[in-house]
N, C-alpha and C. Protein backbone atom coordinates (compact mmCIF):
# COMPACT_ATOMS: atom_id res chain seq x y z
N MET A 1 31.23 -33.18 28.70
CA MET A 1 30.13 -32.67 28.03
C MET A 1 29.88 -33.69 26.87
N SER A 2 28.69 -34.10 26.58
CA SER A 2 28.48 -35.02 25.40
C SER A 2 28.66 -34.49 24.05
N ALA A 3 28.90 -35.29 23.01
CA ALA A 3 29.00 -34.73 21.76
C ALA A 3 27.81 -33.98 21.22
N ARG A 4 26.60 -34.46 21.61
CA ARG A 4 25.34 -33.80 21.33
C ARG A 4 25.32 -32.37 21.93
N ALA A 5 25.67 -32.34 23.14
CA ALA A 5 25.68 -31.14 23.89
C ALA A 5 26.58 -30.07 23.24
N GLY A 6 27.78 -30.58 22.79
CA GLY A 6 28.72 -29.77 22.17
C GLY A 6 28.26 -29.08 20.76
N VAL A 7 27.55 -29.89 19.97
CA VAL A 7 26.87 -29.52 18.81
C VAL A 7 25.81 -28.42 19.03
N VAL A 8 24.96 -28.79 20.03
CA VAL A 8 23.94 -27.73 20.36
C VAL A 8 24.64 -26.36 20.87
N SER A 9 25.58 -26.49 21.69
CA SER A 9 26.28 -25.31 22.15
C SER A 9 27.10 -24.54 21.00
N TRP A 10 27.60 -25.36 20.01
CA TRP A 10 28.14 -24.61 18.77
C TRP A 10 27.22 -24.03 17.98
N PHE A 11 25.96 -24.63 17.75
CA PHE A 11 25.04 -24.02 17.04
C PHE A 11 24.40 -22.79 17.54
N GLY A 12 24.10 -22.89 18.87
CA GLY A 12 23.62 -21.77 19.52
C GLY A 12 24.69 -20.47 19.55
N SER A 13 25.85 -20.79 19.68
CA SER A 13 26.95 -19.65 19.53
C SER A 13 26.78 -19.08 18.10
N ALA A 14 26.73 -20.08 17.07
CA ALA A 14 26.65 -19.46 15.78
C ALA A 14 25.55 -18.72 15.55
N VAL A 15 24.43 -19.18 15.90
CA VAL A 15 23.09 -18.37 15.84
C VAL A 15 23.25 -16.94 16.48
N LEU A 16 23.88 -16.86 17.72
CA LEU A 16 24.06 -15.67 18.34
C LEU A 16 24.96 -14.72 17.57
N LEU A 17 26.10 -15.26 16.97
CA LEU A 17 27.08 -14.58 16.13
C LEU A 17 26.35 -13.83 15.06
N VAL A 18 25.57 -14.66 14.24
CA VAL A 18 24.87 -14.14 13.12
C VAL A 18 23.93 -13.05 13.60
N MET A 19 23.22 -13.25 14.72
CA MET A 19 22.32 -12.26 14.97
C MET A 19 22.89 -10.95 15.46
N SER A 20 23.97 -11.01 16.18
CA SER A 20 24.67 -9.83 16.68
C SER A 20 25.24 -9.22 15.48
N SER A 21 25.62 -9.77 14.37
CA SER A 21 26.27 -9.13 13.31
C SER A 21 25.15 -8.40 12.46
N CYS A 22 23.94 -8.82 12.57
CA CYS A 22 22.81 -8.02 11.95
C CYS A 22 22.23 -6.95 12.73
N ALA A 23 22.58 -6.89 13.91
CA ALA A 23 22.01 -5.89 14.80
C ALA A 23 22.60 -4.43 14.49
N SER A 24 21.71 -3.52 14.55
CA SER A 24 22.02 -2.02 14.34
C SER A 24 22.97 -1.61 15.61
N PRO A 25 23.49 -0.51 15.52
CA PRO A 25 24.32 0.03 16.71
C PRO A 25 23.56 0.02 18.09
N ARG A 26 22.04 0.22 17.94
CA ARG A 26 21.26 0.32 19.14
C ARG A 26 20.82 -1.17 19.49
N GLY A 27 21.29 -2.25 18.81
CA GLY A 27 21.01 -3.51 19.10
C GLY A 27 19.56 -3.99 18.63
N ASN A 28 19.11 -3.41 17.67
CA ASN A 28 17.71 -3.71 17.14
C ASN A 28 17.96 -4.43 15.84
N ALA A 29 18.01 -5.66 15.80
CA ALA A 29 18.15 -6.48 14.65
C ALA A 29 17.04 -6.32 13.60
N GLN A 30 16.02 -6.21 14.18
CA GLN A 30 14.62 -6.08 13.22
C GLN A 30 14.82 -4.94 12.24
N SER A 31 15.25 -3.73 12.78
CA SER A 31 15.40 -2.58 11.95
C SER A 31 16.36 -2.88 10.64
N VAL A 32 17.24 -3.73 10.84
CA VAL A 32 18.07 -3.94 9.78
C VAL A 32 17.51 -5.05 8.71
N LEU A 33 16.81 -5.92 9.31
CA LEU A 33 16.28 -7.08 8.54
C LEU A 33 15.04 -6.87 7.92
N VAL A 34 14.37 -5.83 8.43
CA VAL A 34 12.86 -5.62 7.84
C VAL A 34 12.79 -4.18 7.25
N SER A 35 12.45 -4.17 6.08
CA SER A 35 12.27 -2.84 5.48
C SER A 35 10.84 -2.22 5.64
N PRO A 36 10.61 -1.08 5.60
CA PRO A 36 9.28 -0.52 5.79
C PRO A 36 8.24 -1.00 4.83
N SER A 37 7.06 -1.09 5.18
CA SER A 37 5.96 -1.31 4.24
C SER A 37 5.12 -0.07 3.87
N SER A 38 4.49 -0.20 2.74
CA SER A 38 3.70 0.91 2.51
C SER A 38 2.20 0.60 1.94
N ILE A 39 1.27 1.42 2.37
CA ILE A 39 -0.03 1.45 1.93
C ILE A 39 -0.35 2.64 1.10
N PHE A 40 -0.54 2.41 -0.29
CA PHE A 40 -0.89 3.52 -1.13
C PHE A 40 -2.19 3.73 -1.19
N VAL A 41 -2.86 4.76 -1.30
CA VAL A 41 -4.39 5.03 -1.31
C VAL A 41 -4.49 6.14 -2.28
N VAL A 42 -5.46 5.78 -3.31
CA VAL A 42 -5.83 6.86 -4.33
C VAL A 42 -7.29 6.81 -4.56
N ARG A 43 -7.80 7.90 -5.01
CA ARG A 43 -9.18 7.99 -5.53
C ARG A 43 -9.04 7.38 -7.07
N HIS A 44 -10.15 6.82 -7.40
CA HIS A 44 -10.20 6.34 -8.90
C HIS A 44 -9.88 7.49 -9.86
N ALA A 45 -9.58 7.14 -11.01
CA ALA A 45 -9.17 8.25 -11.90
C ALA A 45 -10.40 8.79 -12.62
N GLU A 46 -10.18 9.72 -13.51
CA GLU A 46 -11.34 10.49 -14.12
C GLU A 46 -12.40 9.56 -14.64
N LYS A 47 -13.73 9.89 -14.39
CA LYS A 47 -14.88 9.24 -14.89
C LYS A 47 -15.21 9.74 -16.40
N ALA A 48 -15.87 8.71 -17.11
CA ALA A 48 -16.33 8.94 -18.45
C ALA A 48 -17.69 9.70 -18.38
N ASP A 49 -18.54 9.37 -17.54
CA ASP A 49 -19.87 9.95 -17.33
C ASP A 49 -20.25 10.22 -16.01
N PRO A 50 -19.98 11.67 -15.54
CA PRO A 50 -20.30 11.93 -14.11
C PRO A 50 -21.72 11.64 -13.79
N SER A 51 -22.65 11.57 -14.50
CA SER A 51 -24.00 11.38 -14.24
C SER A 51 -24.54 9.90 -14.02
N ASN A 52 -23.50 8.99 -14.34
CA ASN A 52 -23.69 7.52 -14.20
C ASN A 52 -22.95 7.11 -13.02
N PRO A 53 -23.77 6.33 -12.14
CA PRO A 53 -23.06 6.06 -10.79
C PRO A 53 -22.11 4.98 -10.90
N ASP A 54 -22.03 4.09 -12.04
CA ASP A 54 -21.20 3.16 -12.23
C ASP A 54 -20.41 3.27 -13.59
N THR A 55 -19.96 4.48 -13.89
CA THR A 55 -19.22 4.73 -15.14
C THR A 55 -17.94 4.22 -15.15
N PRO A 56 -17.43 3.86 -16.40
CA PRO A 56 -16.11 3.49 -16.51
C PRO A 56 -15.21 4.66 -16.63
N LEU A 57 -13.89 4.48 -16.82
CA LEU A 57 -13.05 5.66 -16.84
C LEU A 57 -13.02 6.23 -18.32
N SER A 58 -12.76 7.58 -18.36
CA SER A 58 -12.53 8.43 -19.59
C SER A 58 -11.29 8.03 -20.09
N PRO A 59 -10.84 8.50 -21.20
CA PRO A 59 -9.52 8.32 -21.88
C PRO A 59 -8.50 9.02 -20.78
N ALA A 60 -8.80 10.12 -20.25
CA ALA A 60 -7.70 10.73 -19.31
C ALA A 60 -7.76 9.93 -18.16
N GLY A 61 -8.77 9.28 -17.66
CA GLY A 61 -8.62 8.40 -16.66
C GLY A 61 -7.91 7.08 -16.81
N GLU A 62 -7.98 6.66 -17.97
CA GLU A 62 -7.17 5.44 -18.41
C GLU A 62 -5.62 5.74 -18.50
N ALA A 63 -5.33 6.98 -18.87
CA ALA A 63 -3.94 7.41 -18.90
C ALA A 63 -3.45 7.61 -17.54
N ARG A 64 -4.24 8.19 -16.65
CA ARG A 64 -3.86 8.26 -15.09
C ARG A 64 -3.80 6.98 -14.56
N ALA A 65 -4.57 5.90 -14.91
CA ALA A 65 -4.34 4.66 -14.32
C ALA A 65 -2.99 4.06 -14.64
N ILE A 66 -2.74 4.19 -15.91
CA ILE A 66 -1.36 3.92 -16.47
C ILE A 66 -0.11 4.55 -15.68
N ALA A 67 -0.39 5.92 -15.41
CA ALA A 67 0.68 6.56 -14.82
C ALA A 67 0.79 6.05 -13.25
N LEU A 68 -0.33 5.65 -12.70
CA LEU A 68 -0.30 5.17 -11.44
C LEU A 68 0.55 3.79 -11.33
N ALA A 69 0.14 3.06 -12.33
CA ALA A 69 1.18 1.73 -12.47
C ALA A 69 2.52 1.96 -12.62
N GLU A 70 2.78 3.04 -13.36
CA GLU A 70 4.37 3.52 -13.47
C GLU A 70 4.95 3.92 -12.21
N VAL A 71 4.11 4.78 -11.53
CA VAL A 71 4.67 5.29 -10.27
C VAL A 71 4.92 4.10 -9.15
N LEU A 72 4.04 3.06 -9.15
CA LEU A 72 4.12 1.98 -8.36
C LEU A 72 5.01 0.79 -8.80
N ALA A 73 5.40 0.86 -9.94
CA ALA A 73 6.11 -0.22 -10.50
C ALA A 73 7.19 -1.07 -9.83
N ASN A 74 7.98 -0.28 -9.03
CA ASN A 74 9.06 -0.83 -8.07
C ASN A 74 8.83 -0.67 -6.74
N LYS A 75 7.57 -0.77 -6.25
CA LYS A 75 7.22 -0.49 -4.92
C LYS A 75 6.91 -1.80 -4.16
N GLY A 76 7.11 -2.79 -4.70
CA GLY A 76 6.89 -4.31 -4.13
C GLY A 76 5.36 -4.43 -3.78
N VAL A 77 4.52 -3.97 -4.75
CA VAL A 77 3.11 -4.19 -4.58
C VAL A 77 2.59 -5.65 -4.50
N LYS A 78 2.13 -6.15 -3.52
CA LYS A 78 1.76 -7.41 -3.28
C LYS A 78 0.22 -7.81 -3.15
N ALA A 79 -0.57 -6.67 -3.15
CA ALA A 79 -2.00 -6.71 -3.10
C ALA A 79 -2.78 -5.43 -3.63
N VAL A 80 -3.74 -5.69 -4.17
CA VAL A 80 -4.47 -4.41 -4.85
C VAL A 80 -6.05 -4.51 -4.45
N PHE A 81 -6.64 -3.42 -3.99
CA PHE A 81 -7.93 -3.58 -3.66
C PHE A 81 -8.73 -2.30 -4.39
N ALA A 82 -9.96 -2.72 -4.63
CA ALA A 82 -10.86 -1.76 -5.33
C ALA A 82 -12.17 -2.05 -4.85
N THR A 83 -13.16 -0.94 -5.04
CA THR A 83 -14.35 -1.15 -4.74
C THR A 83 -15.20 -1.92 -5.68
N GLU A 84 -16.56 -2.10 -5.63
CA GLU A 84 -17.22 -2.75 -6.69
C GLU A 84 -17.64 -1.91 -7.87
N PHE A 85 -17.20 -0.81 -7.93
CA PHE A 85 -17.46 0.04 -9.15
C PHE A 85 -16.47 0.00 -10.21
N ILE A 86 -16.94 -0.03 -11.38
CA ILE A 86 -15.87 -0.23 -12.56
C ILE A 86 -14.82 0.66 -12.56
N ARG A 87 -15.11 2.07 -12.23
CA ARG A 87 -14.00 3.12 -12.24
C ARG A 87 -12.80 2.76 -11.34
N THR A 88 -13.17 2.25 -10.10
CA THR A 88 -11.90 1.94 -9.14
C THR A 88 -11.22 0.66 -9.77
N GLN A 89 -12.03 -0.33 -10.28
CA GLN A 89 -11.34 -1.47 -10.73
C GLN A 89 -10.50 -1.05 -12.05
N GLN A 90 -10.94 -0.30 -12.83
CA GLN A 90 -10.19 0.09 -14.08
C GLN A 90 -8.91 0.86 -13.67
N THR A 91 -9.18 1.72 -12.57
CA THR A 91 -7.90 2.46 -12.01
C THR A 91 -6.84 1.53 -11.61
N ALA A 92 -7.33 0.49 -10.90
CA ALA A 92 -6.44 -0.58 -10.17
C ALA A 92 -5.70 -1.44 -11.20
N GLN A 93 -6.39 -1.76 -12.23
CA GLN A 93 -5.87 -2.81 -13.08
C GLN A 93 -4.55 -2.62 -13.69
N PRO A 94 -4.08 -1.56 -14.11
CA PRO A 94 -2.70 -1.60 -14.84
C PRO A 94 -1.67 -1.74 -13.58
N ALA A 95 -1.93 -1.33 -12.43
CA ALA A 95 -0.98 -1.46 -11.24
C ALA A 95 -0.90 -2.95 -10.82
N ALA A 96 -2.14 -3.56 -10.85
CA ALA A 96 -2.27 -4.94 -10.40
C ALA A 96 -1.61 -5.75 -11.40
N ARG A 97 -1.80 -5.44 -12.82
CA ARG A 97 -1.21 -6.41 -13.79
C ARG A 97 0.31 -6.25 -13.82
N ALA A 98 0.85 -5.06 -13.40
CA ALA A 98 2.13 -4.93 -13.50
C ALA A 98 2.80 -5.49 -12.27
N ALA A 99 2.20 -5.86 -11.12
CA ALA A 99 2.51 -6.38 -9.95
C ALA A 99 2.28 -7.90 -10.05
N GLY A 100 1.63 -8.35 -11.09
CA GLY A 100 1.35 -9.89 -11.21
C GLY A 100 0.36 -10.27 -10.10
N VAL A 101 -0.60 -9.50 -9.69
CA VAL A 101 -1.61 -9.88 -8.70
C VAL A 101 -3.02 -9.53 -9.37
N ASP A 102 -4.02 -10.09 -8.71
CA ASP A 102 -5.51 -9.71 -9.14
C ASP A 102 -5.94 -8.55 -8.36
N VAL A 103 -6.81 -7.89 -8.78
CA VAL A 103 -7.56 -6.96 -8.13
C VAL A 103 -8.61 -7.53 -7.13
N VAL A 104 -8.45 -7.28 -5.93
CA VAL A 104 -9.34 -7.80 -4.99
C VAL A 104 -10.60 -6.76 -4.78
N ILE A 105 -11.83 -7.10 -5.08
CA ILE A 105 -12.82 -6.24 -5.02
C ILE A 105 -13.68 -6.48 -3.71
N MET A 106 -13.61 -5.22 -3.15
CA MET A 106 -14.41 -5.20 -1.76
C MET A 106 -15.40 -3.99 -1.69
N LYS A 107 -16.47 -4.42 -1.18
CA LYS A 107 -17.56 -3.31 -1.06
C LYS A 107 -17.22 -2.28 -0.17
N ASN A 108 -17.69 -1.00 -0.63
CA ASN A 108 -17.44 0.06 0.26
C ASN A 108 -17.87 -0.17 1.68
N ALA A 109 -18.85 -0.96 1.81
CA ALA A 109 -19.37 -1.09 3.20
C ALA A 109 -18.38 -1.98 4.10
N ASP A 110 -17.47 -2.75 3.35
CA ASP A 110 -16.59 -3.61 3.97
C ASP A 110 -15.29 -2.92 4.40
N ARG A 111 -15.36 -1.69 4.73
CA ARG A 111 -14.06 -0.92 5.03
C ARG A 111 -13.22 -1.44 6.23
N PRO A 112 -14.03 -1.89 7.32
CA PRO A 112 -13.18 -2.51 8.31
C PRO A 112 -12.28 -3.78 7.89
N LEU A 113 -12.98 -4.43 7.22
CA LEU A 113 -12.15 -5.68 6.58
C LEU A 113 -11.03 -5.33 5.71
N LEU A 114 -11.24 -4.30 4.79
CA LEU A 114 -10.28 -3.78 3.98
C LEU A 114 -9.13 -3.25 4.76
N LEU A 115 -9.33 -2.55 5.81
CA LEU A 115 -8.43 -1.99 6.77
C LEU A 115 -7.50 -3.03 7.38
N GLU A 116 -8.26 -4.06 7.66
CA GLU A 116 -7.68 -5.21 8.49
C GLU A 116 -6.78 -6.00 7.39
N ARG A 117 -7.13 -6.21 6.35
CA ARG A 117 -6.28 -6.76 5.33
C ARG A 117 -5.19 -5.86 4.92
N ALA A 118 -5.20 -4.66 4.77
CA ALA A 118 -4.14 -3.74 4.29
C ALA A 118 -3.13 -3.71 5.39
N LYS A 119 -3.56 -3.68 6.70
CA LYS A 119 -2.56 -3.71 7.82
C LYS A 119 -1.83 -4.84 7.92
N ALA A 120 -2.31 -6.07 7.38
CA ALA A 120 -1.62 -7.24 7.56
C ALA A 120 -0.53 -7.67 6.41
N LEU A 121 -0.34 -6.68 5.66
CA LEU A 121 0.75 -6.76 4.70
C LEU A 121 2.09 -7.24 5.14
N ALA A 122 2.69 -8.01 4.47
CA ALA A 122 4.14 -8.55 4.73
C ALA A 122 5.15 -7.39 4.93
N PRO A 123 5.95 -7.52 5.85
CA PRO A 123 7.02 -6.49 5.89
C PRO A 123 7.73 -6.32 4.56
N GLY A 124 7.92 -4.98 4.21
CA GLY A 124 8.81 -4.73 3.09
C GLY A 124 8.01 -4.64 1.90
N SER A 125 6.59 -5.09 1.86
CA SER A 125 5.75 -5.04 0.77
C SER A 125 4.82 -3.94 0.77
N SER A 126 4.14 -3.77 -0.36
CA SER A 126 3.10 -2.53 -0.54
C SER A 126 1.70 -3.25 -0.97
N VAL A 127 0.89 -2.28 -0.61
CA VAL A 127 -0.55 -2.58 -0.96
C VAL A 127 -1.24 -1.23 -1.55
N LEU A 128 -2.00 -1.43 -2.64
CA LEU A 128 -2.69 -0.34 -3.31
C LEU A 128 -4.23 -0.50 -2.93
N ILE A 129 -4.86 0.60 -2.47
CA ILE A 129 -6.23 0.75 -2.30
C ILE A 129 -6.79 1.79 -3.19
N VAL A 130 -7.73 1.54 -3.93
CA VAL A 130 -8.45 2.48 -4.85
C VAL A 130 -9.89 2.84 -4.33
N GLY A 131 -10.13 4.09 -3.97
CA GLY A 131 -11.42 4.33 -3.41
C GLY A 131 -12.03 5.52 -4.01
N HIS A 132 -12.72 6.29 -3.31
CA HIS A 132 -13.63 7.33 -3.87
C HIS A 132 -13.21 8.60 -3.19
N SER A 133 -13.74 9.80 -3.69
CA SER A 133 -13.46 11.00 -2.99
C SER A 133 -14.12 11.05 -1.53
N ASN A 134 -15.21 10.37 -1.41
CA ASN A 134 -15.78 10.39 -0.18
C ASN A 134 -15.27 9.31 0.93
N THR A 135 -14.37 8.48 0.42
CA THR A 135 -13.76 7.38 1.29
C THR A 135 -12.32 7.48 1.34
N VAL A 136 -11.67 8.01 0.55
CA VAL A 136 -10.10 8.04 0.50
C VAL A 136 -9.56 8.75 1.84
N PRO A 137 -10.12 10.08 2.02
CA PRO A 137 -9.67 10.90 3.19
C PRO A 137 -9.82 9.92 4.55
N ALA A 138 -11.03 9.27 4.73
CA ALA A 138 -11.17 8.49 6.03
C ALA A 138 -10.33 7.23 5.98
N ILE A 139 -10.15 6.59 4.96
CA ILE A 139 -9.27 5.44 4.85
C ILE A 139 -7.81 5.93 5.26
N VAL A 140 -7.38 7.02 4.68
CA VAL A 140 -5.93 7.37 5.11
C VAL A 140 -5.95 7.75 6.44
N GLN A 141 -6.84 8.60 7.06
CA GLN A 141 -6.72 8.83 8.56
C GLN A 141 -6.85 7.64 9.43
N GLU A 142 -7.67 6.74 8.93
CA GLU A 142 -7.67 5.56 9.82
C GLU A 142 -6.38 4.75 9.74
N LEU A 143 -5.76 4.70 8.71
CA LEU A 143 -4.46 3.92 8.48
C LEU A 143 -3.33 4.81 9.10
N SER A 144 -3.23 5.97 8.90
CA SER A 144 -2.11 6.88 9.35
C SER A 144 -2.26 7.53 10.58
N GLY A 145 -3.45 7.77 11.04
CA GLY A 145 -3.73 8.53 12.37
C GLY A 145 -3.48 10.06 12.06
N GLU A 146 -3.46 10.48 10.81
CA GLU A 146 -3.40 11.81 10.60
C GLU A 146 -4.69 12.42 9.86
N PRO A 147 -5.02 13.67 10.17
CA PRO A 147 -6.26 14.16 9.26
C PRO A 147 -5.90 14.27 7.94
N VAL A 148 -6.89 14.17 7.08
CA VAL A 148 -6.70 14.46 5.74
C VAL A 148 -7.85 15.30 5.10
N ASP A 149 -7.64 16.23 4.29
CA ASP A 149 -8.56 17.14 3.87
C ASP A 149 -9.36 16.24 2.90
N GLY A 150 -10.69 16.92 2.49
CA GLY A 150 -11.51 16.40 1.48
C GLY A 150 -11.01 16.54 0.31
N ILE A 151 -11.43 15.79 -0.75
CA ILE A 151 -10.95 15.62 -2.12
C ILE A 151 -12.04 16.41 -2.91
N ASN A 152 -11.55 17.35 -3.91
CA ASN A 152 -12.54 18.07 -4.68
C ASN A 152 -13.00 17.18 -5.80
N GLU A 153 -14.23 17.27 -6.32
CA GLU A 153 -14.90 16.49 -7.26
C GLU A 153 -14.00 16.29 -8.53
N ASN A 154 -13.25 17.34 -8.97
CA ASN A 154 -12.53 17.03 -10.19
C ASN A 154 -10.98 16.82 -9.77
N GLU A 155 -10.68 16.43 -8.70
CA GLU A 155 -9.26 16.15 -8.22
C GLU A 155 -9.10 14.72 -8.24
N TYR A 156 -8.20 14.13 -9.17
CA TYR A 156 -7.76 12.74 -9.21
C TYR A 156 -6.28 12.45 -9.09
N ASP A 157 -5.49 13.30 -8.70
CA ASP A 157 -3.96 13.21 -8.76
C ASP A 157 -3.47 12.98 -7.41
N ASN A 158 -4.19 12.80 -6.32
CA ASN A 158 -3.62 12.59 -5.01
C ASN A 158 -3.16 11.23 -4.95
N LEU A 159 -1.94 11.11 -4.25
CA LEU A 159 -1.34 9.79 -3.93
C LEU A 159 -0.93 9.87 -2.43
N TYR A 160 -1.55 9.11 -1.78
CA TYR A 160 -1.12 8.99 -0.36
C TYR A 160 -0.37 7.70 0.01
N GLU A 161 0.66 7.83 0.66
CA GLU A 161 1.50 6.74 1.00
C GLU A 161 1.55 6.58 2.61
N ILE A 162 1.04 5.69 3.16
CA ILE A 162 1.34 5.51 4.69
C ILE A 162 2.62 4.42 4.72
N VAL A 163 3.46 4.98 5.18
CA VAL A 163 4.80 4.09 5.56
C VAL A 163 4.64 3.56 6.82
N VAL A 164 4.73 2.28 6.85
CA VAL A 164 4.83 1.58 8.22
C VAL A 164 6.21 1.03 8.46
N GLU A 165 6.84 1.74 9.50
CA GLU A 165 8.18 1.34 9.70
C GLU A 165 8.17 -0.12 10.34
N ALA A 166 9.35 -0.64 10.53
CA ALA A 166 9.52 -1.91 11.10
C ALA A 166 9.08 -2.00 12.67
N ASP A 167 9.32 -0.81 13.33
CA ASP A 167 8.88 -0.73 14.69
C ASP A 167 7.42 -0.41 14.81
N GLY A 168 6.71 -0.22 13.89
CA GLY A 168 5.27 0.11 13.87
C GLY A 168 4.81 1.41 13.70
N ARG A 169 5.94 2.32 13.72
CA ARG A 169 5.78 3.83 13.61
C ARG A 169 5.06 4.01 12.15
N LYS A 170 4.21 4.98 11.90
CA LYS A 170 3.59 5.31 10.67
C LYS A 170 3.91 6.92 10.40
N ARG A 171 3.97 7.03 9.11
CA ARG A 171 4.08 8.36 8.54
C ARG A 171 3.53 8.51 7.25
N LEU A 172 2.85 9.59 7.01
CA LEU A 172 2.01 9.77 5.71
C LEU A 172 2.85 10.70 4.83
N VAL A 173 2.97 10.15 3.60
CA VAL A 173 3.68 10.98 2.65
C VAL A 173 2.53 11.32 1.44
N ARG A 174 2.46 12.56 1.18
CA ARG A 174 1.50 12.97 0.13
C ARG A 174 2.28 13.31 -1.10
N SER A 175 1.79 12.96 -2.27
CA SER A 175 2.35 13.33 -3.61
C SER A 175 1.20 13.17 -4.60
N ARG A 176 1.63 13.59 -5.77
CA ARG A 176 0.70 13.51 -6.85
C ARG A 176 1.20 12.55 -7.95
N PHE A 177 0.35 12.37 -8.88
CA PHE A 177 0.74 11.50 -10.02
C PHE A 177 -0.10 11.83 -11.35
N GLY A 178 0.50 11.61 -12.40
CA GLY A 178 -0.20 11.72 -13.75
C GLY A 178 -0.30 13.27 -13.91
N GLU A 179 -1.26 13.61 -14.82
CA GLU A 179 -1.46 15.09 -15.02
C GLU A 179 -2.11 15.82 -13.82
N PRO A 180 -1.69 17.12 -13.72
CA PRO A 180 -2.31 17.76 -12.60
C PRO A 180 -3.78 17.89 -12.83
N TYR A 181 -4.58 17.98 -11.81
CA TYR A 181 -6.00 18.23 -12.12
C TYR A 181 -6.22 19.80 -12.23
N ARG A 182 -7.43 20.14 -12.93
CA ARG A 182 -7.68 21.46 -13.21
C ARG A 182 -8.86 21.86 -12.40
């Protein structure tokens, strides 16, 4: 055996040894090396003027946006998406600032592209999507495969998390954040 062949053989053995030490008892090294990813989906926070189609947030909405940022602070957020409306962008901004990323503005009509971008997140990272009462249930259902009830007009505290496991399995976790809605 040549010296070069011996080095290649030694290197290959070392790689196999490292890979086998990372494997789970079932032999799936990926499940140990890759943590789940999450896609968080929320409706924008409380509006200042319900009669204005592009209203900013109310003081209660601003407080809720800060509460959202606090909930997501240690979740590995790598991308934040909001629609073209001021209220969704203002809801997303504190979480984006805390994560050190910009809010990516996408039109409501660009939902297929939004879903494609959300699904392309890096393993172990998270994405935040801020939508509307009439879009969040469909987005969550399209991403998770689970049906989601509609959102009441005065309901702003739903937090949907689609957890994407390393093997591609998905599960939906529903929770609430900020002050309960009335």
